[in-house]
PDB file of N, CA and C in Angstrom:
ATOM      1  N   MET A   1       0.829  -1.238  -0.066  1.00  0.00           N
ATOM      2  CA  MET A   1       0.039  -0.042  -0.036  1.00  0.00           C
ATOM      3  C   MET A   1       0.937   1.152  -0.021  1.00  0.00           C
ATOM      4  N   LYS A   2       0.639   2.121  -0.833  1.00  0.00           N
ATOM      5  CA  LYS A   2       1.424   3.432  -0.969  1.00  0.00           C
ATOM      6  C   LYS A   2       0.854   4.371  -0.021  1.00  0.00           C
ATOM      7  N   ASP A   3      -0.478   4.676  -0.050  1.00  0.00           N
ATOM      8  CA  ASP A   3      -1.188   5.789   0.836  1.00  0.00           C
ATOM      9  C   ASP A   3      -2.013   5.182   1.780  1.00  0.00           C
ATOM     10  N   LEU A   4      -1.946   5.472   3.073  1.00  0.00           N
ATOM     11  CA  LEU A   4      -2.809   4.863   4.085  1.00  0.00           C
ATOM     12  C   LEU A   4      -4.246   5.192   3.935  1.00  0.00           C
ATOM     13  N   ARG A   5      -4.523   6.268   3.158  1.00  0.00           N
ATOM     14  CA  ARG A   5      -6.053   6.404   2.966  1.00  0.00           C
ATOM     15  C   ARG A   5      -6.615   5.481   1.986  1.00  0.00           C
ATOM     16  N   ASP A   6      -5.632   4.756   1.137  1.00  0.00           N
ATOM     17  CA  ASP A   6      -6.361   3.766   0.275  1.00  0.00           C
ATOM     18  C   ASP A   6      -6.586   2.515   1.059  1.00  0.00           C
ATOM     19  N   VAL A   7      -6.179   2.203   2.407  1.00  0.00           N
ATOM     20  CA  VAL A   7      -6.321   1.021   2.958  1.00  0.00           C
ATOM     21  C   VAL A   7      -7.893   0.941   3.599  1.00  0.00           C
ATOM     22  N   ILE A   8      -8.323   2.064   4.097  1.00  0.00           N
ATOM     23  CA  ILE A   8      -9.618   2.296   4.581  1.00  0.00           C
ATOM     24  C   ILE A   8     -10.533   2.686   3.570  1.00  0.00           C
ATOM     25  N   ILE A   9     -11.544   1.812   3.059  1.00  0.00           N
ATOM     26  CA  ILE A   9     -12.369   2.200   1.976  1.00  0.00           C
ATOM     27  C   ILE A   9     -13.626   2.885   2.551  1.00  0.00           C
ATOM     28  N   ARG A  10     -14.294   2.318   3.618  1.00  0.00           N
ATOM     29  CA  ARG A  10     -15.345   2.974   4.206  1.00  0.00           C
ATOM     30  C   ARG A  10     -15.796   2.471   5.529  1.00  0.00           C
ATOM     31  N   PRO A  11     -16.441   3.143   6.502  1.00  0.00           N
ATOM     32  CA  PRO A  11     -16.896   2.704   7.704  1.00  0.00           C
ATOM     33  C   PRO A  11     -18.033   1.890   7.409  1.00  0.00           C
ATOM     34  N   LEU A  12     -18.344   0.826   8.207  1.00  0.00           N
ATOM     35  CA  LEU A  12     -19.418  -0.106   8.289  1.00  0.00           C
ATOM     36  C   LEU A  12     -20.434   0.496   9.330  1.00  0.00           C
ATOM     37  N   ILE A  13     -21.635   0.794   8.932  1.00  0.00           N
ATOM     38  CA  ILE A  13     -22.711   1.238   9.879  1.00  0.00           C
ATOM     39  C   ILE A  13     -23.863   0.186   9.818  1.00  0.00           C
ATOM     40  N   SER A  14     -24.027  -0.632  11.026  1.00  0.00           N
ATOM     41  CA  SER A  14     -24.936  -1.454  11.131  1.00  0.00           C
ATOM     42  C   SER A  14     -25.307  -1.368  12.592  1.00  0.00           C
ATOM     43  N   GLU A  15     -26.489  -2.201  12.973  1.00  0.00           N
ATOM     44  CA  GLU A  15     -26.931  -2.396  14.447  1.00  0.00           C
ATOM     45  C   GLU A  15     -25.725  -3.056  15.207  1.00  0.00           C
ATOM     46  N   LYS A  16     -25.167  -4.132  14.558  1.00  0.00           N
ATOM     47  CA  LYS A  16     -24.064  -4.801  15.250  1.00  0.00           C
ATOM     48  C   LYS A  16     -22.903  -3.931  15.530  1.00  0.00           C
ATOM     49  N   SER A  17     -22.437  -3.113  14.535  1.00  0.00           N
ATOM     50  CA  SER A  17     -21.302  -2.353  14.626  1.00  0.00           C
ATOM     51  C   SER A  17     -21.616  -1.166  15.733  1.00  0.00           C
ATOM     52  N   TYR A  18     -22.748  -0.799  15.766  1.00  0.00           N
ATOM     53  CA  TYR A  18     -23.125   0.374  16.759  1.00  0.00           C
ATOM     54  C   TYR A  18     -23.132  -0.192  18.151  1.00  0.00           C
ATOM     55  N   GLU A  19     -23.456  -1.398  18.299  1.00  0.00           N
ATOM     56  CA  GLU A  19     -23.400  -2.090  19.716  1.00  0.00           C
ATOM     57  C   GLU A  19     -22.057  -2.143  20.239  1.00  0.00           C
ATOM     58  N   SER A  20     -21.097  -2.417  19.285  1.00  0.00           N
ATOM     59  CA  SER A  20     -19.703  -2.666  19.604  1.00  0.00           C
ATOM     60  C   SER A  20     -18.998  -1.508  19.996  1.00  0.00           C
ATOM     61  N   ILE A  21     -19.422  -0.278  19.545  1.00  0.00           N
ATOM     62  CA  ILE A  21     -18.964   1.014  19.856  1.00  0.00           C
ATOM     63  C   ILE A  21     -18.812   1.331  21.422  1.00  0.00           C
ATOM     64  N   GLU A  22     -19.743   0.705  22.094  1.00  0.00           N
ATOM     65  CA  GLU A  22     -19.759   0.901  23.629  1.00  0.00           C
ATOM     66  C   GLU A  22     -18.293   0.257  24.085  1.00  0.00           C
ATOM     67  N   GLN A  23     -17.792  -0.700  23.465  1.00  0.00           N
ATOM     68  CA  GLN A  23     -16.612  -1.443  23.891  1.00  0.00           C
ATOM     69  C   GLN A  23     -15.327  -0.980  23.151  1.00  0.00           C
ATOM     70  N   SER A  24     -15.520   0.311  22.537  1.00  0.00           N
ATOM     71  CA  SER A  24     -14.426   0.912  21.789  1.00  0.00           C
ATOM     72  C   SER A  24     -13.959   0.179  20.557  1.00  0.00           C
ATOM     73  N   LYS A  25     -14.932  -0.557  19.952  1.00  0.00           N
ATOM     74  CA  LYS A  25     -14.738  -1.214  18.762  1.00  0.00           C
ATOM     75  C   LYS A  25     -15.364  -0.743  17.515  1.00  0.00           C
ATOM     76  N   TYR A  26     -14.589  -0.468  16.512  1.00  0.00           N
ATOM     77  CA  TYR A  26     -15.170   0.194  15.226  1.00  0.00           C
ATOM     78  C   TYR A  26     -14.856  -0.746  14.160  1.00  0.00           C
ATOM     79  N   THR A  27     -15.824  -0.655  13.219  1.00  0.00           N
ATOM     80  CA  THR A  27     -15.774  -1.622  11.968  1.00  0.00           C
ATOM     81  C   THR A  27     -15.578  -0.909  10.665  1.00  0.00           C
ATOM     82  N   PHE A  28     -14.650  -1.359   9.862  1.00  0.00           N
ATOM     83  CA  PHE A  28     -14.311  -0.686   8.613  1.00  0.00           C
ATOM     84  C   PHE A  28     -14.178  -1.729   7.437  1.00  0.00           C
ATOM     85  N   GLU A  29     -14.660  -1.362   6.299  1.00  0.00           N
ATOM     86  CA  GLU A  29     -14.275  -2.072   5.017  1.00  0.00           C
ATOM     87  C   GLU A  29     -13.010  -1.705   4.652  1.00  0.00           C
ATOM     88  N   VAL A  30     -12.086  -2.631   4.332  1.00  0.00           N
ATOM     89  CA  VAL A  30     -10.645  -2.323   4.185  1.00  0.00           C
ATOM     90  C   VAL A  30     -10.150  -2.891   2.780  1.00  0.00           C
ATOM     91  N   HIS A  31      -9.119  -2.480   2.293  1.00  0.00           N
ATOM     92  CA  HIS A  31      -8.678  -2.966   1.016  1.00  0.00           C
ATOM     93  C   HIS A  31      -8.327  -4.623   1.196  1.00  0.00           C
ATOM     94  N   PRO A  32      -8.796  -5.387   0.392  1.00  0.00           N
ATOM     95  CA  PRO A  32      -8.523  -6.887   0.532  1.00  0.00           C
ATOM     96  C   PRO A  32      -7.032  -7.226   0.648  1.00  0.00           C
ATOM     97  N   GLY A  33      -6.140  -6.535   0.275  1.00  0.00           N
ATOM     98  CA  GLY A  33      -4.662  -6.802   0.529  1.00  0.00           C
ATOM     99  C   GLY A  33      -3.942  -6.137   1.515  1.00  0.00           C
ATOM    100  N   ALA A  34      -4.855  -5.535   2.401  1.00  0.00           N
ATOM    101  CA  ALA A  34      -4.262  -4.658   3.597  1.00  0.00           C
ATOM    102  C   ALA A  34      -3.916  -5.709   4.840  1.00  0.00           C
ATOM    103  N   LYS A  35      -2.806  -5.428   5.334  1.00  0.00           N
ATOM    104  CA  LYS A  35      -2.300  -6.187   6.331  1.00  0.00           C
ATOM    105  C   LYS A  35      -2.768  -5.409   7.709  1.00  0.00           C
ATOM    106  N   LYS A  36      -2.772  -6.148   8.808  1.00  0.00           N
ATOM    107  CA  LYS A  36      -3.156  -5.617  10.154  1.00  0.00           C
ATOM    108  C   LYS A  36      -2.375  -4.310  10.434  1.00  0.00           C
ATOM    109  N   THR A  37      -1.034  -4.378  10.354  1.00  0.00           N
ATOM    110  CA  THR A  37      -0.232  -3.296  10.682  1.00  0.00           C
ATOM    111  C   THR A  37      -0.595  -2.011   9.979  1.00  0.00           C
ATOM    112  N   GLU A  38      -0.838  -2.374   8.493  1.00  0.00           N
ATOM    113  CA  GLU A  38      -1.228  -1.131   7.842  1.00  0.00           C
ATOM    114  C   GLU A  38      -2.627  -0.617   8.047  1.00  0.00           C
ATOM    115  N   ILE A  39      -3.489  -1.409   8.449  1.00  0.00           N
ATOM    116  CA  ILE A  39      -4.880  -0.883   8.970  1.00  0.00           C
ATOM    117  C   ILE A  39      -4.608  -0.104  10.240  1.00  0.00           C
ATOM    118  N   ARG A  40      -3.953  -0.624  11.252  1.00  0.00           N
ATOM    119  CA  ARG A  40      -3.538   0.018  12.472  1.00  0.00           C
ATOM    120  C   ARG A  40      -2.927   1.503  12.190  1.00  0.00           C
ATOM    121  N   GLN A  41      -1.965   1.432  11.455  1.00  0.00           N
ATOM    122  CA  GLN A  41      -1.350   2.725  10.931  1.00  0.00           C
ATOM    123  C   GLN A  41      -2.464   3.737  10.365  1.00  0.00           C
ATOM    124  N   ALA A  42      -3.210   3.211   9.409  1.00  0.00           N
ATOM    125  CA  ALA A  42      -4.181   4.148   8.814  1.00  0.00           C
ATOM    126  C   ALA A  42      -5.114   4.734   9.624  1.00  0.00           C
ATOM    127  N   VAL A  43      -5.710   3.866  10.567  1.00  0.00           N
ATOM    128  CA  VAL A  43      -6.731   4.389  11.593  1.00  0.00           C
ATOM    129  C   VAL A  43      -6.006   5.380  12.569  1.00  0.00           C
ATOM    130  N   GLU A  44      -4.763   4.945  13.017  1.00  0.00           N
ATOM    131  CA  GLU A  44      -4.138   5.998  13.966  1.00  0.00           C
ATOM    132  C   GLU A  44      -3.868   7.372  13.228  1.00  0.00           C
ATOM    133  N   GLU A  45      -3.614   7.239  12.022  1.00  0.00           N
ATOM    134  CA  GLU A  45      -3.163   8.474  11.279  1.00  0.00           C
ATOM    135  C   GLU A  45      -4.435   9.306  10.883  1.00  0.00           C
ATOM    136  N   ILE A  46      -5.352   8.641  10.336  1.00  0.00           N
ATOM    137  CA  ILE A  46      -6.557   9.378   9.878  1.00  0.00           C
ATOM    138  C   ILE A  46      -7.373   9.965  11.069  1.00  0.00           C
ATOM    139  N   PHE A  47      -7.654   9.019  12.059  1.00  0.00           N
ATOM    140  CA  PHE A  47      -8.586   9.662  13.196  1.00  0.00           C
ATOM    141  C   PHE A  47      -7.828  10.065  14.390  1.00  0.00           C
ATOM    142  N   ASN A  48      -6.504  10.043  14.452  1.00  0.00           N
ATOM    143  CA  ASN A  48      -5.703  10.362  15.432  1.00  0.00           C
ATOM    144  C   ASN A  48      -5.957   9.908  16.878  1.00  0.00           C
ATOM    145  N   VAL A  49      -6.051   8.496  16.873  1.00  0.00           N
ATOM    146  CA  VAL A  49      -6.329   7.699  18.013  1.00  0.00           C
ATOM    147  C   VAL A  49      -5.473   6.643  18.214  1.00  0.00           C
ATOM    148  N   ALA A  50      -5.328   5.979  19.311  1.00  0.00           N
ATOM    149  CA  ALA A  50      -4.333   4.809  19.572  1.00  0.00           C
ATOM    150  C   ALA A  50      -5.151   3.522  19.522  1.00  0.00           C
ATOM    151  N   VAL A  51      -4.625   2.643  18.579  1.00  0.00           N
ATOM    152  CA  VAL A  51      -5.414   1.403  18.456  1.00  0.00           C
ATOM    153  C   VAL A  51      -4.602   0.357  19.307  1.00  0.00           C
ATOM    154  N   THR A  52      -5.197  -0.583  19.812  1.00  0.00           N
ATOM    155  CA  THR A  52      -4.814  -1.629  20.670  1.00  0.00           C
ATOM    156  C   THR A  52      -4.864  -2.953  19.978  1.00  0.00           C
ATOM    157  N   ASP A  53      -5.923  -3.210  19.119  1.00  0.00           N
ATOM    158  CA  ASP A  53      -6.176  -4.527  18.550  1.00  0.00           C
ATOM    159  C   ASP A  53      -6.851  -4.270  17.270  1.00  0.00           C
ATOM    160  N   VAL A  54      -6.492  -5.195  16.113  1.00  0.00           N
ATOM    161  CA  VAL A  54      -7.184  -5.164  14.907  1.00  0.00           C
ATOM    162  C   VAL A  54      -7.457  -6.703  14.587  1.00  0.00           C
ATOM    163  N   ASN A  55      -8.824  -6.864  14.250  1.00  0.00           N
ATOM    164  CA  ASN A  55      -9.208  -8.248  13.893  1.00  0.00           C
ATOM    165  C   ASN A  55      -9.672  -8.089  12.478  1.00  0.00           C
ATOM    166  N   THR A  56      -9.436  -8.957  11.579  1.00  0.00           N
ATOM    167  CA  THR A  56      -9.768  -9.027  10.119  1.00  0.00           C
ATOM    168  C   THR A  56     -10.528 -10.173   9.791  1.00  0.00           C
ATOM    169  N   ILE A  57     -11.485 -10.044   8.879  1.00  0.00           N
ATOM    170  CA  ILE A  57     -12.474 -11.010   8.390  1.00  0.00           C
ATOM    171  C   ILE A  57     -12.458 -10.872   6.836  1.00  0.00           C
ATOM    172  N   SER A  58     -12.305 -11.927   6.171  1.00  0.00           N
ATOM    173  CA  SER A  58     -12.473 -11.976   4.691  1.00  0.00           C
ATOM    174  C   SER A  58     -13.925 -12.486   4.473  1.00  0.00           C
ATOM    175  N   VAL A  59     -14.777 -11.605   3.844  1.00  0.00           N
ATOM    176  CA  VAL A  59     -16.093 -11.975   3.599  1.00  0.00           C
ATOM    177  C   VAL A  59     -16.299 -12.402   2.125  1.00  0.00           C
ATOM    178  N   LYS A  60     -16.803 -13.551   1.974  1.00  0.00           N
ATOM    179  CA  LYS A  60     -17.033 -14.187   0.581  1.00  0.00           C
ATOM    180  C   LYS A  60     -18.330 -13.556   0.013  1.00  0.00           C
ATOM    181  N   GLY A  61     -18.271 -13.279  -1.279  1.00  0.00           N
ATOM    182  CA  GLY A  61     -19.461 -12.859  -1.958  1.00  0.00           C
ATOM    183  C   GLY A  61     -20.576 -13.861  -1.993  1.00  0.00           C
ATOM    184  N   LYS A  62     -21.793 -13.314  -2.068  1.00  0.00           N
ATOM    185  CA  LYS A  62     -22.956 -14.164  -1.913  1.00  0.00           C
ATOM    186  C   LYS A  62     -23.390 -14.457  -3.500  1.00  0.00           C
ATOM    187  N   PRO A  63     -24.003 -15.616  -3.749  1.00  0.00           N
ATOM    188  CA  PRO A  63     -24.549 -15.810  -4.960  1.00  0.00           C
ATOM    189  C   PRO A  63     -25.837 -15.063  -5.240  1.00  0.00           C
ATOM    190  N   LYS A  64     -25.965 -14.522  -6.433  1.00  0.00           N
ATOM    191  CA  LYS A  64     -27.297 -13.671  -6.724  1.00  0.00           C
ATOM    192  C   LYS A  64     -27.756 -14.086  -8.086  1.00  0.00           C
ATOM    193  N   LYS A  65     -29.066 -13.891  -8.092  1.00  0.00           N
ATOM    194  CA  LYS A  65     -29.820 -14.341  -9.354  1.00  0.00           C
ATOM    195  C   LYS A  65     -30.811 -13.269  -9.790  1.00  0.00           C
ATOM    196  N   ARG A  66     -30.811 -12.935 -10.854  1.00  0.00           N
ATOM    197  CA  ARG A  66     -31.824 -11.918 -11.438  1.00  0.00           C
ATOM    198  C   ARG A  66     -32.274 -12.395 -12.766  1.00  0.00           C
ATOM    199  N   GLY A  67     -33.538 -12.890 -12.789  1.00  0.00           N
ATOM    200  CA  GLY A  67     -33.895 -13.438 -13.921  1.00  0.00           C
ATOM    201  C   GLY A  67     -33.091 -14.726 -14.377  1.00  0.00           C
ATOM    202  N   TYR A  68     -32.664 -14.767 -15.647  1.00  0.00           N
ATOM    203  CA  TYR A  68     -31.821 -15.894 -16.048  1.00  0.00           C
ATOM    204  C   TYR A  68     -30.577 -15.619 -15.654  1.00  0.00           C
ATOM    205  N   ALA A  69     -30.097 -14.439 -15.431  1.00  0.00           N
ATOM    206  CA  ALA A  69     -28.605 -14.121 -15.067  1.00  0.00           C
ATOM    207  C   ALA A  69     -28.254 -14.372 -13.646  1.00  0.00           C
ATOM    208  N   THR A  70     -27.108 -15.172 -13.558  1.00  0.00           N
ATOM    209  CA  THR A  70     -26.634 -15.445 -12.204  1.00  0.00           C
ATOM    210  C   THR A  70     -25.180 -14.895 -12.079  1.00  0.00           C
ATOM    211  N   GLY A  71     -24.890 -14.517 -10.963  1.00  0.00           N
ATOM    212  CA  GLY A  71     -23.572 -14.001 -10.605  1.00  0.00           C
ATOM    213  C   GLY A  71     -23.276 -14.046  -8.942  1.00  0.00           C
ATOM    214  N   ARG A  72     -22.302 -13.265  -8.717  1.00  0.00           N
ATOM    215  CA  ARG A  72     -21.919 -13.225  -7.193  1.00  0.00           C
ATOM    216  C   ARG A  72     -21.642 -11.702  -6.888  1.00  0.00           C
ATOM    217  N   THR A  73     -21.788 -11.377  -5.632  1.00  0.00           N
ATOM    218  CA  THR A  73     -21.383 -10.108  -5.174  1.00  0.00           C
ATOM    219  C   THR A  73     -19.911 -10.206  -4.977  1.00  0.00           C
ATOM    220  N   LYS A  74     -19.208  -9.108  -4.756  1.00  0.00           N
ATOM    221  CA  LYS A  74     -17.659  -9.043  -4.590  1.00  0.00           C
ATOM    222  C   LYS A  74     -17.369  -9.654  -3.257  1.00  0.00           C
ATOM    223  N   ASN A  75     -16.021 -10.195  -3.320  1.00  0.00           N
ATOM    224  CA  ASN A  75     -15.537 -10.591  -1.857  1.00  0.00           C
ATOM    225  C   ASN A  75     -14.885  -9.252  -1.405  1.00  0.00           C
ATOM    226  N   TRP A  76     -14.832  -9.215  -0.128  1.00  0.00           N
ATOM    227  CA  TRP A  76     -14.296  -7.934   0.609  1.00  0.00           C
ATOM    228  C   TRP A  76     -13.735  -8.243   1.874  1.00  0.00           C
ATOM    229  N   LYS A  77     -13.066  -7.317   2.539  1.00  0.00           N
ATOM    230  CA  LYS A  77     -12.317  -7.691   3.737  1.00  0.00           C
ATOM    231  C   LYS A  77     -12.909  -6.542   4.779  1.00  0.00           C
ATOM    232  N   LYS A  78     -13.178  -7.081   6.050  1.00  0.00           N
ATOM    233  CA  LYS A  78     -13.737  -6.299   7.191  1.00  0.00           C
ATOM    234  C   LYS A  78     -12.721  -6.173   8.250  1.00  0.00           C
ATOM    235  N   ALA A  79     -12.531  -5.117   8.885  1.00  0.00           N
ATOM    236  CA  ALA A  79     -11.660  -5.029   9.925  1.00  0.00           C
ATOM    237  C   ALA A  79     -12.452  -4.438  11.138  1.00  0.00           C
ATOM    238  N   ILE A  80     -12.131  -5.112  12.282  1.00  0.00           N
ATOM    239  CA  ILE A  80     -12.667  -4.400  13.677  1.00  0.00           C
ATOM    240  C   ILE A  80     -11.677  -4.021  14.276  1.00  0.00           C
ATOM    241  N   VAL A  81     -11.685  -2.821  14.727  1.00  0.00           N
ATOM    242  CA  VAL A  81     -10.477  -2.030  15.417  1.00  0.00           C
ATOM    243  C   VAL A  81     -10.924  -1.688  16.813  1.00  0.00           C
ATOM    244  N   THR A  82     -10.139  -2.069  17.774  1.00  0.00           N
ATOM    245  CA  THR A  82     -10.304  -1.829  19.207  1.00  0.00           C
ATOM    246  C   THR A  82      -9.453  -0.584  19.582  1.00  0.00           C
ATOM    247  N   LEU A  83      -9.973   0.416  20.002  1.00  0.00           N
ATOM    248  CA  LEU A  83      -9.095   1.628  20.525  1.00  0.00           C
ATOM    249  C   LEU A  83      -8.832   1.452  21.888  1.00  0.00           C
ATOM    250  N   LYS A  84      -7.719   2.322  22.243  1.00  0.00           N
ATOM    251  CA  LYS A  84      -7.356   2.325  23.740  1.00  0.00           C
ATOM    252  C   LYS A  84      -8.545   3.062  24.532  1.00  0.00           C
ATOM    253  N   GLU A  85      -8.580   2.358  25.788  1.00  0.00           N
ATOM    254  CA  GLU A  85      -9.687   2.895  26.684  1.00  0.00           C
ATOM    255  C   GLU A  85      -9.829   4.382  26.904  1.00  0.00           C
ATOM    256  N   GLY A  86     -11.039   4.787  26.633  1.00  0.00           N
ATOM    257  CA  GLY A  86     -11.302   6.373  26.736  1.00  0.00           C
ATOM    258  C   GLY A  86     -11.228   7.154  25.462  1.00  0.00           C
ATOM    259  N   GLN A  87     -10.806   6.501  24.424  1.00  0.00           N
ATOM    260  CA  GLN A  87     -10.751   7.175  23.183  1.00  0.00           C
ATOM    261  C   GLN A  87     -11.825   6.885  22.134  1.00  0.00           C
ATOM    262  N   ARG A  88     -12.291   7.649  21.346  1.00  0.00           N
ATOM    263  CA  ARG A  88     -13.402   7.180  20.424  1.00  0.00           C
ATOM    264  C   ARG A  88     -13.270   8.013  19.114  1.00  0.00           C
ATOM    265  N   ILE A  89     -13.854   7.621  18.135  1.00  0.00           N
ATOM    266  CA  ILE A  89     -13.910   8.314  16.754  1.00  0.00           C
ATOM    267  C   ILE A  89     -15.212   8.957  16.727  1.00  0.00           C
ATOM    268  N   GLU A  90     -15.146  10.309  16.520  1.00  0.00           N
ATOM    269  CA  GLU A  90     -16.241  11.191  16.584  1.00  0.00           C
ATOM    270  C   GLU A  90     -17.275  10.931  15.439  1.00  0.00           C
ATOM    271  N   PHE A  91     -16.700  10.480  14.292  1.00  0.00           N
ATOM    272  CA  PHE A  91     -17.479  10.120  13.091  1.00  0.00           C
ATOM    273  C   PHE A  91     -18.499   9.220  13.318  1.00  0.00           C
ATOM    274  N   PHE A  92     -18.314   8.236  14.287  1.00  0.00           N
ATOM    275  CA  PHE A  92     -19.395   7.416  14.586  1.00  0.00           C
ATOM    276  C   PHE A  92     -20.529   7.715  15.404  1.00  0.00           C
ATOM    277  N   GLU A  93     -20.240   8.791  16.264  1.00  0.00           N
ATOM    278  CA  GLU A  93     -21.118   9.126  17.345  1.00  0.00           C
ATOM    279  C   GLU A  93     -22.337   9.717  16.726  1.00  0.00           C
ATOM    280  N   THR A  94     -23.576   9.428  17.377  1.00  0.00           N
ATOM    281  CA  THR A  94     -24.887   9.962  16.945  1.00  0.00           C
ATOM    282  C   THR A  94     -25.256  11.003  18.101  1.00  0.00           C
ATOM    283  N   LYS A  95     -26.059  11.855  17.701  1.00  0.00           N
ATOM    284  CA  LYS A  95     -26.615  12.814  18.747  1.00  0.00           C
ATOM    285  C   LYS A  95     -28.136  12.755  18.681  1.00  0.00           C
TER     286      LYS A  95
END
């Protein structure tokens, strides 16, 4: 990876990810070739927080069918980032 901003594609916003925010865990879609150290550096640089743990999951694409055409959704990679206690990312906070 050349630029750390290419590592994180987008934050994942779902009920399950919002429940884990209370435990300082944030979920992102990341580049499929990104390593845990690159993800840690990217989150620390972009959001200016301290990361304690990074867990990654490779998500396989689901089969889809529309009429006669069949195909699959894309494979992608998810990262669950745990922050140091007391830190948070303002982007995810709701008011």
